Amino acid sequence: MVPTMTLAEKIRTERVQFKAGSTSKVIEGQIKGYDTIDYVLNASKGQNANISLATENGSTYFNILAPGENEVAMYVGSINGNQYEGKLPESGDYKIRVYMMRNAARRDEVAKYRLEMIVTNDK
């Protein structure tokens, strides 16, 4: 496990809701500098998750924090890449944390992104 932040940044939180009957959600957004956004997604243990981030800024990533966790990520995008696929280990609110690495943040860079979240049950 790797800590997700070394600075006491402010984190904006947004609840993710899928439309009735849908298993996915796409969010298009933008961060600047040290902006950090937690997209909070409720899911159940054993569900399959596919989460991906597309951006032209090579210093923009996402981490996934398990339910109840605020600092240590179960998935670290800067190490593992900007796509996660796997079974979720527990039920509750997952945080998909979008952020920029310090090298870009301190230059106050802007990153537009497209975050796609797909959560399905086994068939």
Protein backbone atom coordinates (compact mmCIF):
# COMPACT_ATOMS: atom_id res chain seq x y z
CA MET A 1 0.00 0.00 0.00
CA VAL A 2 1.23 3.46 -0.89
CA PRO A 3 0.09 6.75 0.68
CA THR A 4 -1.92 8.82 -1.76
CA MET A 5 -0.78 12.28 -0.61
CA THR A 6 2.11 13.88 1.15
CA LEU A 7 0.61 17.35 1.43
CA ALA A 8 -2.53 18.43 3.22
CA GLU A 9 -4.39 19.33 0.04
CA LYS A 10 -8.05 20.14 0.06
CA ILE A 11 -10.08 17.37 -1.54
CA ARG A 12 -13.38 18.08 -3.27
CA THR A 13 -15.86 15.21 -3.02
CA GLU A 14 -18.56 14.27 -5.53
CA ARG A 15 -20.99 11.36 -5.15
CA VAL A 16 -21.29 9.17 -8.28
CA GLN A 17 -24.75 7.84 -9.12
CA PHE A 18 -25.44 5.54 -12.05
CA LYS A 19 -28.71 6.10 -13.91
CA ALA A 20 -31.35 3.45 -13.21
CA GLY A 21 -30.49 0.27 -15.09
CA SER A 22 -27.00 1.51 -16.01
CA THR A 23 -23.71 -0.08 -14.99
CA SER A 24 -21.47 2.81 -16.00
CA LYS A 25 -20.83 6.52 -15.68
CA VAL A 26 -18.54 8.88 -17.59
CA ILE A 27 -17.38 12.11 -16.01
CA GLU A 28 -15.55 14.78 -17.95
CA GLY A 29 -13.75 17.25 -15.75
CA GLN A 30 -10.72 19.39 -15.16
CA ILE A 31 -8.25 19.92 -12.35
CA LYS A 32 -5.62 22.59 -11.90
CA GLY A 33 -2.48 22.57 -9.79
CA TYR A 34 -3.02 20.86 -6.46
CA ASP A 35 -6.75 20.28 -7.04
CA THR A 36 -7.84 16.81 -5.97
CA ILE A 37 -11.27 15.29 -6.49
CA ASP A 38 -12.68 12.20 -4.80
CA TYR A 39 -15.46 10.56 -6.80
CA VAL A 40 -17.35 8.46 -4.24
CA LEU A 41 -18.88 5.31 -5.70
CA ASN A 42 -20.88 2.80 -3.68
CA ALA A 43 -20.28 -0.80 -4.74
CA SER A 44 -20.54 -4.31 -3.34
CA LYS A 45 -17.96 -6.94 -2.52
CA GLY A 46 -17.29 -9.20 -5.51
CA GLN A 47 -18.56 -6.79 -8.15
CA ASN A 48 -16.32 -6.30 -11.17
CA ALA A 49 -14.93 -2.80 -11.60
CA ASN A 50 -13.32 -1.27 -14.66
CA ILE A 51 -12.15 2.29 -14.04
CA SER A 52 -10.13 4.27 -16.55
CA LEU A 53 -8.83 7.81 -16.87
CA ALA A 54 -8.04 9.46 -20.21
CA THR A 55 -6.09 12.73 -20.21
CA GLU A 56 -3.51 14.51 -22.31
CA ASN A 57 -1.61 15.56 -19.17
CA GLY A 58 0.95 12.83 -18.49
CA SER A 59 1.13 13.74 -14.79
CA THR A 60 -2.57 13.17 -14.06
CA TYR A 61 -3.65 9.93 -12.39
CA PHE A 62 -6.26 8.32 -10.17
CA ASN A 63 -6.03 6.18 -7.07
CA ILE A 64 -8.70 3.96 -5.58
CA LEU A 65 -9.29 4.00 -1.84
CA ALA A 66 -11.29 1.17 -0.26
CA PRO A 67 -14.32 1.86 1.95
CA GLY A 68 -13.34 3.58 5.19
CA GLU A 69 -9.87 4.52 3.94
CA ASN A 70 -8.75 8.15 3.60
CA GLU A 71 -5.02 7.92 2.98
CA VAL A 72 -3.78 4.53 1.75
CA ALA A 73 -4.76 3.49 -1.77
CA MET A 74 -5.59 -0.06 -2.83
CA TYR A 75 -4.74 0.98 -6.40
CA VAL A 76 -2.15 3.61 -7.35
CA GLY A 77 -2.41 4.95 -10.87
CA SER A 78 1.04 6.55 -10.98
CA ILE A 79 2.52 3.07 -10.46
CA ASN A 80 -0.04 0.82 -12.16
CA GLY A 81 -1.39 3.02 -14.97
CA ASN A 82 -4.67 4.75 -15.60
CA GLN A 83 -6.86 1.66 -15.89
CA TYR A 84 -8.02 -0.62 -13.10
CA GLU A 85 -9.84 -3.91 -13.66
CA GLY A 86 -10.69 -6.25 -10.84
CA LYS A 87 -13.13 -7.63 -8.29
CA LEU A 88 -13.91 -5.29 -5.43
CA PRO A 89 -12.73 -6.67 -2.07
CA GLU A 90 -15.50 -5.24 0.14
CA SER A 91 -18.83 -3.40 0.13
CA GLY A 92 -19.14 0.32 0.70
CA ASP A 93 -18.05 3.70 -0.63
CA TYR A 94 -14.93 3.60 -2.81
CA LYS A 95 -13.07 6.85 -3.52
CA ILE A 96 -11.68 7.33 -7.00
CA ARG A 97 -9.17 10.13 -6.35
CA VAL A 98 -8.11 12.19 -9.39
CA TYR A 99 -4.96 14.27 -8.92
CA MET A 100 -1.82 15.63 -10.56
CA MET A 101 1.71 14.67 -9.59
CA ARG A 102 3.64 17.38 -7.75
CA ASN A 103 5.85 18.23 -10.76
CA ALA A 104 2.80 19.40 -12.73
CA ALA A 105 0.83 20.70 -9.76
CA ARG A 106 3.52 23.13 -8.66
CA ARG A 107 3.58 24.56 -12.21
CA ASP A 108 -0.19 25.08 -11.81
CA GLU A 109 -0.87 22.99 -14.91
CA VAL A 110 -4.42 22.27 -16.05
CA ALA A 111 -5.56 18.75 -16.88
CA LYS A 112 -8.80 17.96 -18.66
CA TYR A 113 -9.85 14.35 -18.22
CA ARG A 114 -12.46 11.72 -18.94
CA LEU A 115 -13.10 9.25 -16.12
CA GLU A 116 -15.09 6.13 -16.94
CA MET A 117 -16.41 3.85 -14.19
CA ILE A 118 -18.05 0.50 -14.96
CA VAL A 119 -19.30 -1.76 -12.17
CA THR A 120 -21.00 -5.07 -12.98
CA ASN A 121 -22.02 -8.29 -11.28
CA ASP A 122 -20.70 -11.70 -12.34
CA LYS A 123 -22.77 -13.28 -15.05
